[in-house]
N, C-alpha and C. Protein backbone atom coordinates (compact mmCIF):
# COMPACT_ATOMS: atom_id res chain seq x y z
N MET A 1 -19.72 -34.23 -59.41
CA MET A 1 -18.61 -34.92 -58.78
C MET A 1 -17.45 -33.94 -58.61
N LYS A 2 -16.73 -34.10 -57.47
CA LYS A 2 -15.54 -33.31 -57.21
C LYS A 2 -14.31 -34.20 -57.34
N THR A 3 -13.30 -33.65 -57.94
CA THR A 3 -12.04 -34.39 -58.04
C THR A 3 -11.04 -33.75 -57.09
N CYS A 4 -10.40 -34.55 -56.26
CA CYS A 4 -9.44 -34.06 -55.28
C CYS A 4 -8.19 -33.59 -56.00
N GLY A 5 -7.68 -32.46 -55.69
CA GLY A 5 -6.47 -31.93 -56.32
C GLY A 5 -5.21 -32.63 -55.82
N SER A 6 -5.28 -33.26 -54.64
CA SER A 6 -4.10 -33.90 -54.08
C SER A 6 -3.93 -35.33 -54.60
N CYS A 7 -5.00 -36.13 -54.44
CA CYS A 7 -4.88 -37.54 -54.81
C CYS A 7 -5.63 -37.91 -56.09
N GLY A 8 -6.49 -37.05 -56.59
CA GLY A 8 -7.22 -37.30 -57.81
C GLY A 8 -8.46 -38.15 -57.63
N ALA A 9 -8.85 -38.44 -56.37
CA ALA A 9 -10.03 -39.28 -56.11
C ALA A 9 -11.28 -38.48 -56.39
N LYS A 10 -12.35 -39.20 -56.79
CA LYS A 10 -13.63 -38.56 -57.09
C LYS A 10 -14.48 -38.61 -55.82
N ASN A 11 -15.14 -37.47 -55.52
CA ASN A 11 -15.96 -37.33 -54.32
C ASN A 11 -17.31 -36.76 -54.71
N ALA A 12 -18.23 -36.79 -53.76
CA ALA A 12 -19.56 -36.23 -53.98
C ALA A 12 -19.45 -34.72 -54.21
N THR A 13 -20.45 -34.18 -54.90
CA THR A 13 -20.43 -32.77 -55.27
C THR A 13 -20.40 -31.87 -54.03
N ARG A 14 -21.12 -32.26 -52.98
CA ARG A 14 -21.22 -31.39 -51.78
C ARG A 14 -20.19 -31.74 -50.72
N ALA A 15 -19.25 -32.58 -51.02
CA ALA A 15 -18.26 -32.98 -50.03
C ALA A 15 -17.34 -31.81 -49.70
N LEU A 16 -17.01 -31.70 -48.42
CA LEU A 16 -16.10 -30.66 -47.97
C LEU A 16 -14.67 -31.16 -47.89
N PHE A 17 -14.51 -32.49 -47.67
CA PHE A 17 -13.19 -33.09 -47.55
C PHE A 17 -13.11 -34.31 -48.48
N CYS A 18 -11.92 -34.59 -48.92
CA CYS A 18 -11.70 -35.77 -49.78
C CYS A 18 -11.86 -37.03 -48.94
N SER A 19 -12.58 -38.03 -49.48
CA SER A 19 -12.80 -39.26 -48.74
C SER A 19 -11.55 -40.13 -48.70
N SER A 20 -10.58 -39.91 -49.59
CA SER A 20 -9.37 -40.74 -49.63
C SER A 20 -8.25 -40.14 -48.77
N CYS A 21 -7.88 -38.90 -49.08
CA CYS A 21 -6.72 -38.31 -48.39
C CYS A 21 -7.10 -37.32 -47.29
N GLY A 22 -8.35 -36.87 -47.25
CA GLY A 22 -8.82 -35.95 -46.21
C GLY A 22 -8.53 -34.49 -46.49
N ALA A 23 -8.06 -34.16 -47.70
CA ALA A 23 -7.80 -32.76 -48.03
C ALA A 23 -9.13 -32.02 -48.17
N SER A 24 -9.12 -30.75 -47.78
CA SER A 24 -10.37 -29.98 -47.86
C SER A 24 -10.52 -29.37 -49.24
N PHE A 25 -11.76 -29.30 -49.69
CA PHE A 25 -12.06 -28.72 -50.99
C PHE A 25 -12.31 -27.22 -50.84
N ARG A 26 -11.96 -26.49 -51.86
CA ARG A 26 -12.26 -25.06 -51.89
C ARG A 26 -13.50 -24.88 -52.72
N VAL A 27 -14.55 -24.32 -52.10
CA VAL A 27 -15.81 -24.12 -52.80
C VAL A 27 -15.90 -22.66 -53.19
N VAL A 28 -16.10 -22.40 -54.45
CA VAL A 28 -16.26 -21.03 -54.94
C VAL A 28 -17.71 -20.65 -54.77
N ASP A 29 -17.95 -19.35 -54.45
CA ASP A 29 -19.33 -18.88 -54.26
C ASP A 29 -20.16 -19.22 -55.49
N ALA A 30 -21.42 -19.49 -55.27
CA ALA A 30 -22.32 -19.88 -56.36
C ALA A 30 -22.49 -18.74 -57.34
N GLU A 31 -22.61 -19.08 -58.57
CA GLU A 31 -22.87 -18.12 -59.64
C GLU A 31 -24.32 -17.65 -59.50
N PRO A 32 -24.70 -16.60 -60.19
CA PRO A 32 -26.08 -16.13 -60.10
C PRO A 32 -27.10 -17.17 -60.52
N ASN A 33 -26.70 -18.11 -61.37
CA ASN A 33 -27.68 -19.10 -61.80
C ASN A 33 -27.75 -20.29 -60.85
N GLY A 34 -26.94 -20.29 -59.74
CA GLY A 34 -27.02 -21.35 -58.75
C GLY A 34 -25.97 -22.41 -58.91
N ASP A 35 -25.12 -22.37 -59.94
CA ASP A 35 -24.08 -23.39 -60.11
C ASP A 35 -22.96 -23.16 -59.11
N VAL A 36 -22.33 -24.25 -58.71
CA VAL A 36 -21.21 -24.19 -57.78
C VAL A 36 -19.96 -24.51 -58.56
N ALA A 37 -18.95 -23.67 -58.45
CA ALA A 37 -17.71 -23.91 -59.20
C ALA A 37 -16.91 -25.02 -58.54
N ALA A 38 -16.04 -25.60 -59.29
CA ALA A 38 -15.23 -26.71 -58.78
C ALA A 38 -14.12 -26.19 -57.89
N ALA A 39 -13.54 -27.11 -57.14
CA ALA A 39 -12.46 -26.75 -56.22
C ALA A 39 -11.20 -26.47 -56.98
N ASP A 40 -10.37 -25.55 -56.43
CA ASP A 40 -9.12 -25.26 -57.12
C ASP A 40 -8.02 -26.21 -56.64
N SER A 41 -6.86 -26.04 -57.18
CA SER A 41 -5.78 -26.97 -56.89
C SER A 41 -5.19 -26.78 -55.50
N GLY A 42 -5.41 -25.62 -54.85
CA GLY A 42 -4.85 -25.38 -53.53
C GLY A 42 -5.50 -26.23 -52.47
N GLY A 43 -6.69 -26.68 -52.67
CA GLY A 43 -7.38 -27.54 -51.71
C GLY A 43 -7.97 -26.82 -50.53
N LEU A 44 -8.05 -25.49 -50.57
CA LEU A 44 -8.65 -24.74 -49.46
C LEU A 44 -10.14 -24.61 -49.68
N ASN A 45 -10.89 -24.81 -48.70
CA ASN A 45 -12.34 -24.78 -48.82
C ASN A 45 -12.84 -23.37 -48.56
N VAL A 46 -13.36 -22.73 -49.63
CA VAL A 46 -13.85 -21.36 -49.51
C VAL A 46 -15.11 -21.33 -48.68
N GLY A 47 -15.91 -22.39 -48.74
CA GLY A 47 -17.14 -22.42 -47.95
C GLY A 47 -16.86 -22.34 -46.47
N VAL A 48 -15.83 -23.06 -46.02
CA VAL A 48 -15.45 -23.01 -44.60
C VAL A 48 -14.95 -21.62 -44.25
N GLU A 49 -14.10 -21.08 -45.13
CA GLU A 49 -13.59 -19.73 -44.89
C GLU A 49 -14.72 -18.71 -44.87
N LYS A 50 -15.65 -18.90 -45.77
CA LYS A 50 -16.78 -17.98 -45.84
C LYS A 50 -17.62 -18.05 -44.58
N SER A 51 -17.85 -19.29 -44.10
CA SER A 51 -18.65 -19.42 -42.88
C SER A 51 -17.94 -18.79 -41.68
N LYS A 52 -16.59 -18.92 -41.65
CA LYS A 52 -15.84 -18.28 -40.57
C LYS A 52 -15.95 -16.77 -40.66
N ARG A 53 -15.85 -16.27 -41.91
CA ARG A 53 -15.98 -14.83 -42.11
C ARG A 53 -17.36 -14.34 -41.69
N VAL A 54 -18.39 -15.13 -42.06
CA VAL A 54 -19.76 -14.75 -41.70
C VAL A 54 -19.92 -14.74 -40.19
N ARG A 55 -19.33 -15.77 -39.51
CA ARG A 55 -19.41 -15.81 -38.06
C ARG A 55 -18.72 -14.61 -37.43
N ARG A 56 -17.52 -14.30 -37.95
CA ARG A 56 -16.81 -13.13 -37.41
C ARG A 56 -17.59 -11.84 -37.63
N GLU A 57 -18.18 -11.73 -38.81
CA GLU A 57 -18.97 -10.53 -39.11
C GLU A 57 -20.19 -10.41 -38.19
N ARG A 58 -20.85 -11.56 -37.96
CA ARG A 58 -22.00 -11.54 -37.04
C ARG A 58 -21.57 -11.14 -35.63
N ASN A 59 -20.44 -11.71 -35.17
CA ASN A 59 -19.95 -11.36 -33.83
C ASN A 59 -19.64 -9.86 -33.74
N ARG A 60 -19.00 -9.35 -34.82
CA ARG A 60 -18.67 -7.93 -34.82
C ARG A 60 -19.92 -7.06 -34.79
N ILE A 61 -20.94 -7.49 -35.56
CA ILE A 61 -22.20 -6.74 -35.59
C ILE A 61 -22.87 -6.77 -34.23
N GLU A 62 -22.85 -7.97 -33.57
CA GLU A 62 -23.47 -8.05 -32.24
C GLU A 62 -22.74 -7.19 -31.23
N ILE A 63 -21.39 -7.20 -31.32
CA ILE A 63 -20.61 -6.36 -30.40
C ILE A 63 -20.90 -4.89 -30.65
N ASP A 64 -20.98 -4.52 -31.94
CA ASP A 64 -21.30 -3.13 -32.27
C ASP A 64 -22.68 -2.74 -31.77
N ARG A 65 -23.63 -3.68 -31.93
CA ARG A 65 -24.99 -3.37 -31.44
C ARG A 65 -25.00 -3.21 -29.93
N ALA A 66 -24.29 -4.12 -29.23
CA ALA A 66 -24.25 -4.02 -27.76
C ALA A 66 -23.61 -2.71 -27.34
N GLY A 67 -22.50 -2.35 -28.02
CA GLY A 67 -21.84 -1.09 -27.69
C GLY A 67 -22.71 0.10 -27.99
N SER A 68 -23.39 0.05 -29.14
CA SER A 68 -24.24 1.19 -29.49
C SER A 68 -25.43 1.30 -28.57
N SER A 69 -25.96 0.14 -28.10
CA SER A 69 -27.08 0.22 -27.16
C SER A 69 -26.62 0.77 -25.83
N ALA A 70 -25.38 0.38 -25.39
CA ALA A 70 -24.86 0.94 -24.15
C ALA A 70 -24.60 2.43 -24.31
N ASP A 71 -24.00 2.80 -25.45
CA ASP A 71 -23.77 4.22 -25.70
C ASP A 71 -25.09 4.97 -25.81
N GLY A 72 -26.08 4.32 -26.42
CA GLY A 72 -27.39 4.95 -26.54
C GLY A 72 -28.03 5.15 -25.18
N GLY A 73 -27.85 4.15 -24.26
CA GLY A 73 -28.40 4.31 -22.91
C GLY A 73 -27.71 5.43 -22.17
N ALA A 74 -26.36 5.50 -22.31
CA ALA A 74 -25.63 6.58 -21.66
C ALA A 74 -26.03 7.92 -22.26
N ALA A 75 -26.18 7.95 -23.58
CA ALA A 75 -26.57 9.21 -24.23
C ALA A 75 -27.98 9.62 -23.80
N ALA A 76 -28.87 8.61 -23.66
CA ALA A 76 -30.24 8.93 -23.25
C ALA A 76 -30.26 9.46 -21.82
N SER A 77 -29.48 8.82 -20.91
CA SER A 77 -29.47 9.31 -19.53
C SER A 77 -28.81 10.68 -19.46
N SER A 78 -27.76 10.90 -20.27
CA SER A 78 -27.12 12.21 -20.30
C SER A 78 -28.09 13.26 -20.83
N GLY A 79 -28.84 12.90 -21.88
CA GLY A 79 -29.82 13.83 -22.43
C GLY A 79 -30.92 14.15 -21.42
N LEU A 80 -31.34 13.12 -20.64
CA LEU A 80 -32.37 13.33 -19.62
C LEU A 80 -31.86 14.26 -18.53
N LEU A 81 -30.60 14.05 -18.11
CA LEU A 81 -30.03 14.93 -17.08
C LEU A 81 -29.90 16.36 -17.58
N LYS A 82 -29.49 16.52 -18.84
CA LYS A 82 -29.40 17.87 -19.40
C LYS A 82 -30.77 18.52 -19.45
N TRP A 83 -31.78 17.75 -19.84
CA TRP A 83 -33.15 18.28 -19.92
C TRP A 83 -33.64 18.68 -18.54
N LEU A 84 -33.40 17.83 -17.51
CA LEU A 84 -33.84 18.16 -16.15
C LEU A 84 -33.10 19.40 -15.63
N GLY A 85 -31.79 19.48 -15.94
CA GLY A 85 -31.04 20.66 -15.52
C GLY A 85 -31.58 21.93 -16.14
N ALA A 86 -31.91 21.85 -17.43
CA ALA A 86 -32.48 23.03 -18.10
C ALA A 86 -33.84 23.39 -17.52
N LEU A 87 -34.64 22.36 -17.16
CA LEU A 87 -35.95 22.61 -16.57
C LEU A 87 -35.82 23.30 -15.21
N VAL A 88 -34.92 22.78 -14.36
CA VAL A 88 -34.72 23.38 -13.03
C VAL A 88 -34.19 24.80 -13.17
N PHE A 89 -33.24 25.00 -14.09
CA PHE A 89 -32.69 26.35 -14.28
C PHE A 89 -33.77 27.31 -14.76
N GLY A 90 -34.60 26.85 -15.70
CA GLY A 90 -35.68 27.70 -16.20
C GLY A 90 -36.70 28.04 -15.13
N LEU A 91 -37.05 27.03 -14.30
CA LEU A 91 -38.00 27.29 -13.21
C LEU A 91 -37.40 28.25 -12.19
N GLY A 92 -36.09 28.08 -11.92
CA GLY A 92 -35.43 29.00 -10.99
C GLY A 92 -35.47 30.44 -11.49
N ARG A 93 -35.19 30.60 -12.78
CA ARG A 93 -35.23 31.97 -13.34
C ARG A 93 -36.64 32.54 -13.30
N LEU A 94 -37.64 31.68 -13.62
CA LEU A 94 -39.02 32.14 -13.61
C LEU A 94 -39.45 32.55 -12.21
N LEU A 95 -39.16 31.68 -11.22
CA LEU A 95 -39.53 32.01 -9.84
C LEU A 95 -38.77 33.22 -9.34
N GLY A 96 -37.50 33.34 -9.77
CA GLY A 96 -36.73 34.53 -9.38
C GLY A 96 -37.35 35.80 -9.92
N ARG A 97 -37.81 35.74 -11.18
CA ARG A 97 -38.46 36.93 -11.76
C ARG A 97 -39.79 37.23 -11.08
N LEU A 98 -40.50 36.16 -10.67
CA LEU A 98 -41.80 36.39 -10.03
C LEU A 98 -41.65 36.93 -8.61
N PHE A 99 -40.71 36.33 -7.85
CA PHE A 99 -40.64 36.66 -6.43
C PHE A 99 -39.58 37.70 -6.08
N ALA A 100 -38.72 38.07 -7.05
CA ALA A 100 -37.71 39.08 -6.75
C ALA A 100 -38.33 40.42 -6.38
N PRO A 101 -39.35 40.89 -7.11
CA PRO A 101 -39.95 42.17 -6.68
C PRO A 101 -40.57 42.10 -5.29
N ILE A 102 -41.19 40.96 -4.99
CA ILE A 102 -41.80 40.81 -3.66
C ILE A 102 -40.72 40.81 -2.59
N GLY A 103 -39.62 40.07 -2.84
CA GLY A 103 -38.53 40.03 -1.87
C GLY A 103 -37.88 41.39 -1.69
N ARG A 104 -37.67 42.10 -2.81
CA ARG A 104 -37.08 43.45 -2.70
C ARG A 104 -37.99 44.38 -1.91
N ARG A 105 -39.29 44.27 -2.18
CA ARG A 105 -40.23 45.15 -1.48
C ARG A 105 -40.27 44.83 0.02
N LEU A 106 -40.24 43.52 0.34
CA LEU A 106 -40.22 43.14 1.76
C LEU A 106 -38.96 43.65 2.45
N LEU A 107 -37.81 43.46 1.80
CA LEU A 107 -36.56 43.91 2.42
C LEU A 107 -36.52 45.43 2.55
N THR A 108 -37.01 46.13 1.53
CA THR A 108 -37.03 47.59 1.61
C THR A 108 -37.96 48.06 2.72
N GLY A 109 -39.14 47.43 2.78
CA GLY A 109 -40.09 47.80 3.83
C GLY A 109 -39.57 47.48 5.21
N LEU A 110 -38.89 46.31 5.35
CA LEU A 110 -38.34 45.94 6.64
C LEU A 110 -37.23 46.90 7.05
N ARG A 111 -36.34 47.21 6.10
CA ARG A 111 -35.24 48.13 6.43
C ARG A 111 -35.78 49.51 6.79
N PHE A 112 -36.79 49.96 6.04
CA PHE A 112 -37.37 51.27 6.30
C PHE A 112 -38.07 51.29 7.66
N SER A 113 -38.83 50.22 7.95
CA SER A 113 -39.58 50.21 9.21
C SER A 113 -38.65 50.04 10.40
N VAL A 114 -37.57 49.24 10.26
CA VAL A 114 -36.64 49.09 11.37
C VAL A 114 -35.88 50.39 11.59
N ALA A 115 -35.46 51.03 10.50
CA ALA A 115 -34.73 52.29 10.65
C ALA A 115 -35.60 53.36 11.30
N ARG A 116 -36.86 53.42 10.87
CA ARG A 116 -37.76 54.41 11.46
C ARG A 116 -38.20 53.98 12.85
N GLY A 117 -38.23 52.65 13.06
CA GLY A 117 -38.63 52.17 14.38
C GLY A 117 -37.59 52.43 15.45
N LEU A 118 -36.33 52.45 15.05
CA LEU A 118 -35.28 52.74 16.02
C LEU A 118 -35.20 54.23 16.34
N ALA A 119 -35.71 55.05 15.44
CA ALA A 119 -35.72 56.50 15.69
C ALA A 119 -36.83 56.83 16.69
N PRO A 120 -36.67 57.86 17.48
CA PRO A 120 -37.74 58.23 18.42
C PRO A 120 -39.00 58.68 17.68
N SER A 121 -40.16 58.44 18.29
CA SER A 121 -41.43 58.72 17.62
C SER A 121 -41.64 60.22 17.40
N SER A 122 -40.93 61.07 18.14
CA SER A 122 -41.07 62.51 17.95
C SER A 122 -40.47 62.96 16.62
N THR A 123 -39.57 62.15 16.03
CA THR A 123 -38.95 62.53 14.76
C THR A 123 -39.76 62.05 13.55
N TRP A 124 -40.82 61.30 13.81
CA TRP A 124 -41.63 60.80 12.69
C TRP A 124 -42.38 61.94 12.01
N ASP A 125 -42.62 61.78 10.74
CA ASP A 125 -43.41 62.75 9.99
C ASP A 125 -44.83 62.73 10.56
N ILE A 126 -45.38 63.91 10.79
CA ILE A 126 -46.70 64.00 11.42
C ILE A 126 -47.78 63.38 10.54
N ARG A 127 -47.62 63.45 9.24
CA ARG A 127 -48.64 62.90 8.34
C ARG A 127 -48.36 61.48 7.92
N ARG A 128 -47.20 60.94 8.28
CA ARG A 128 -46.84 59.61 7.79
C ARG A 128 -46.19 58.81 8.92
N ALA A 129 -47.00 58.15 9.71
CA ALA A 129 -46.47 57.26 10.75
C ALA A 129 -45.87 56.02 10.08
N PRO A 130 -44.78 55.48 10.63
CA PRO A 130 -44.14 54.34 9.97
C PRO A 130 -45.02 53.10 9.98
N ASN A 131 -44.79 52.26 8.97
CA ASN A 131 -45.54 51.02 8.84
C ASN A 131 -44.67 49.88 9.35
N PHE A 132 -45.10 49.27 10.45
CA PHE A 132 -44.34 48.16 11.03
C PHE A 132 -44.91 46.80 10.63
N LEU A 133 -45.72 46.77 9.61
CA LEU A 133 -46.38 45.52 9.22
C LEU A 133 -45.36 44.49 8.72
N TYR A 134 -44.40 44.89 7.90
CA TYR A 134 -43.38 43.95 7.40
C TYR A 134 -42.58 43.36 8.55
N TRP A 135 -42.17 44.22 9.44
CA TRP A 135 -41.40 43.79 10.59
C TRP A 135 -42.21 42.81 11.43
N GLY A 136 -43.50 43.11 11.64
CA GLY A 136 -44.35 42.22 12.43
C GLY A 136 -44.53 40.85 11.78
N ILE A 137 -44.70 40.82 10.46
CA ILE A 137 -44.88 39.52 9.78
C ILE A 137 -43.61 38.68 9.89
N ILE A 138 -42.46 39.30 9.67
CA ILE A 138 -41.20 38.55 9.76
C ILE A 138 -40.94 38.12 11.19
N ASP A 139 -41.24 38.98 12.13
CA ASP A 139 -41.08 38.66 13.55
C ASP A 139 -41.96 37.47 13.94
N CYS A 140 -43.18 37.47 13.44
CA CYS A 140 -44.11 36.37 13.73
C CYS A 140 -43.63 35.06 13.12
N LEU A 141 -43.09 35.13 11.89
CA LEU A 141 -42.62 33.92 11.23
C LEU A 141 -41.35 33.36 11.87
N VAL A 142 -40.53 34.22 12.45
CA VAL A 142 -39.27 33.75 13.03
C VAL A 142 -39.47 33.22 14.45
N PHE A 143 -40.17 33.97 15.30
CA PHE A 143 -40.23 33.60 16.71
C PHE A 143 -41.51 32.88 17.14
N HIS A 144 -42.58 33.03 16.40
CA HIS A 144 -43.86 32.34 16.70
C HIS A 144 -44.40 32.69 18.09
N LEU A 145 -44.26 33.93 18.49
CA LEU A 145 -44.79 34.36 19.80
C LEU A 145 -46.00 35.27 19.58
N PRO A 146 -46.91 35.32 20.56
CA PRO A 146 -48.14 36.09 20.36
C PRO A 146 -47.93 37.61 20.37
N PHE A 147 -46.80 38.09 20.88
CA PHE A 147 -46.59 39.54 20.93
C PHE A 147 -46.54 40.14 19.53
N SER A 148 -46.00 39.36 18.58
CA SER A 148 -45.91 39.87 17.21
C SER A 148 -47.30 40.03 16.59
N VAL A 149 -48.24 39.17 16.98
CA VAL A 149 -49.61 39.29 16.46
C VAL A 149 -50.22 40.61 16.92
N VAL A 150 -49.98 40.95 18.19
CA VAL A 150 -50.48 42.23 18.72
C VAL A 150 -49.83 43.39 17.97
N GLY A 151 -48.53 43.27 17.69
CA GLY A 151 -47.83 44.31 16.92
C GLY A 151 -48.39 44.44 15.51
N ILE A 152 -48.73 43.32 14.89
CA ILE A 152 -49.31 43.37 13.54
C ILE A 152 -50.67 44.06 13.58
N ILE A 153 -51.47 43.76 14.59
CA ILE A 153 -52.80 44.39 14.71
C ILE A 153 -52.66 45.90 14.88
N TYR A 154 -51.73 46.33 15.73
CA TYR A 154 -51.53 47.77 15.90
C TYR A 154 -51.00 48.42 14.62
N SER A 155 -50.18 47.69 13.86
CA SER A 155 -49.69 48.25 12.60
C SER A 155 -50.83 48.46 11.61
N VAL A 156 -51.72 47.50 11.54
CA VAL A 156 -52.87 47.63 10.63
C VAL A 156 -53.77 48.79 11.08
N LEU A 157 -53.99 48.89 12.38
CA LEU A 157 -54.81 49.99 12.90
C LEU A 157 -54.15 51.35 12.62
N ALA A 158 -52.81 51.40 12.74
CA ALA A 158 -52.11 52.66 12.45
C ALA A 158 -52.26 53.03 10.98
N ASN A 159 -52.18 52.04 10.09
CA ASN A 159 -52.36 52.32 8.67
C ASN A 159 -53.78 52.81 8.38
N ALA A 160 -54.77 52.19 9.05
CA ALA A 160 -56.16 52.62 8.85
C ALA A 160 -56.36 54.05 9.34
N SER A 161 -55.79 54.36 10.50
CA SER A 161 -55.94 55.72 11.04
C SER A 161 -55.26 56.74 10.13
N ARG A 162 -54.11 56.39 9.59
CA ARG A 162 -53.43 57.31 8.68
C ARG A 162 -54.23 57.53 7.41
N ALA A 163 -54.88 56.46 6.91
CA ALA A 163 -55.70 56.59 5.71
C ALA A 163 -56.92 57.47 5.96
N GLU A 164 -57.44 57.47 7.19
CA GLU A 164 -58.60 58.29 7.53
C GLU A 164 -58.23 59.73 7.87
N GLY A 165 -56.93 60.00 7.97
CA GLY A 165 -56.50 61.37 8.27
C GLY A 165 -56.31 61.63 9.74
N GLU A 166 -56.43 60.63 10.59
CA GLU A 166 -56.20 60.79 12.03
C GLU A 166 -54.73 60.53 12.32
N TYR A 167 -53.90 61.53 12.11
CA TYR A 167 -52.47 61.32 12.16
C TYR A 167 -51.94 61.14 13.57
N ALA A 168 -52.53 61.79 14.53
CA ALA A 168 -52.06 61.63 15.92
C ALA A 168 -52.36 60.21 16.41
N THR A 169 -53.56 59.70 16.08
CA THR A 169 -53.90 58.33 16.48
C THR A 169 -53.01 57.32 15.76
N ALA A 170 -52.73 57.58 14.50
CA ALA A 170 -51.85 56.69 13.74
C ALA A 170 -50.46 56.65 14.36
N ARG A 171 -49.99 57.81 14.82
CA ARG A 171 -48.66 57.85 15.42
C ARG A 171 -48.63 57.08 16.74
N ARG A 172 -49.69 57.23 17.56
CA ARG A 172 -49.75 56.48 18.82
C ARG A 172 -49.81 54.98 18.57
N ARG A 173 -50.61 54.56 17.60
CA ARG A 173 -50.75 53.12 17.32
C ARG A 173 -49.46 52.55 16.72
N ALA A 174 -48.77 53.33 15.89
CA ALA A 174 -47.50 52.87 15.35
C ALA A 174 -46.46 52.72 16.46
N ALA A 175 -46.48 53.65 17.44
CA ALA A 175 -45.55 53.53 18.58
C ALA A 175 -45.88 52.29 19.40
N ALA A 176 -47.20 52.00 19.57
CA ALA A 176 -47.59 50.79 20.31
C ALA A 176 -47.16 49.53 19.54
N ALA A 177 -47.33 49.55 18.23
CA ALA A 177 -46.90 48.40 17.42
C ALA A 177 -45.40 48.19 17.56
N ARG A 178 -44.64 49.27 17.54
CA ARG A 178 -43.19 49.15 17.70
C ARG A 178 -42.84 48.55 19.05
N GLY A 179 -43.52 48.98 20.11
CA GLY A 179 -43.24 48.44 21.44
C GLY A 179 -43.52 46.93 21.50
N TRP A 180 -44.66 46.51 20.96
CA TRP A 180 -44.99 45.08 20.97
C TRP A 180 -43.99 44.27 20.15
N LEU A 181 -43.56 44.81 19.03
CA LEU A 181 -42.62 44.08 18.20
C LEU A 181 -41.24 44.00 18.83
N PHE A 182 -40.82 45.06 19.52
CA PHE A 182 -39.56 44.97 20.27
C PHE A 182 -39.66 43.95 21.40
N LEU A 183 -40.81 43.95 22.08
CA LEU A 183 -41.02 42.96 23.14
C LEU A 183 -40.95 41.54 22.57
N ASP A 184 -41.58 41.33 21.41
CA ASP A 184 -41.55 40.01 20.78
C ASP A 184 -40.12 39.64 20.37
N LEU A 185 -39.37 40.61 19.86
CA LEU A 185 -38.00 40.34 19.44
C LEU A 185 -37.14 39.91 20.62
N PHE A 186 -37.21 40.66 21.72
CA PHE A 186 -36.39 40.33 22.89
C PHE A 186 -36.84 39.02 23.54
N ALA A 187 -38.16 38.81 23.60
CA ALA A 187 -38.66 37.56 24.18
C ALA A 187 -38.27 36.36 23.31
N GLY A 188 -38.33 36.53 21.98
CA GLY A 188 -37.93 35.44 21.09
C GLY A 188 -36.46 35.09 21.24
N ILE A 189 -35.60 36.11 21.36
CA ILE A 189 -34.18 35.84 21.55
C ILE A 189 -33.95 35.15 22.89
N ALA A 190 -34.65 35.61 23.95
CA ALA A 190 -34.49 34.98 25.27
C ALA A 190 -34.94 33.52 25.24
N VAL A 191 -36.09 33.25 24.61
CA VAL A 191 -36.59 31.87 24.52
C VAL A 191 -35.62 31.00 23.74
N ALA A 192 -35.05 31.52 22.66
CA ALA A 192 -34.08 30.74 21.86
C ALA A 192 -32.84 30.41 22.67
N VAL A 193 -32.36 31.40 23.49
CA VAL A 193 -31.17 31.15 24.32
C VAL A 193 -31.48 30.12 25.39
N VAL A 194 -32.65 30.23 26.03
CA VAL A 194 -33.02 29.26 27.08
C VAL A 194 -33.17 27.86 26.49
N LYS A 195 -33.77 27.75 25.33
CA LYS A 195 -33.90 26.45 24.68
C LYS A 195 -32.54 25.85 24.35
N ARG A 196 -31.63 26.69 23.89
CA ARG A 196 -30.30 26.20 23.52
C ARG A 196 -29.52 25.74 24.74
N LEU A 197 -29.69 26.46 25.87
CA LEU A 197 -28.92 26.13 27.07
C LEU A 197 -29.48 24.95 27.84
N PHE A 198 -30.80 24.89 27.98
CA PHE A 198 -31.39 23.91 28.89
C PHE A 198 -32.08 22.73 28.21
N LEU A 199 -32.31 22.78 26.93
CA LEU A 199 -33.02 21.67 26.27
C LEU A 199 -32.11 20.94 25.31
């Protein structure tokens, strides 16, 4: 039985409010053996306060969980972006290391062949006719005209003749390759200008 501190009326043990005056009882937390302490004279119900505290704590925990899940999602997407960035950077460095020597060799060969190609054929070394193969491949890839294919064929034939020791034939074939590649270059530029103007 509970005794009301305000009016002194007797109430049921589990009552939260006095049946006579309506004052709320203060319930003390249960002891380890399960007993419930009596209400104090203030008339405040600890059980109600405790339930409010529990509700507030649950709300705070749910808000914290929602925030942490949102932060976790942002952190996961940020981590994924960092991982993808590192992967792309690593692949770029790897491809750069693989293809940089090829690119340098192509540019060196192109510069060498263009420089020697612009010089008259009488100044070429008798034992080393220039190789216009790089120039022909780039010319073919840029303009897509058949003249560059003929220039590539003459370049290959000039290289074969030079390897066999036929230096005069290699020089003639290299000069023919240069002529075809110049023709392809000028024709490609003319076709590009005509396409730009009339199409």
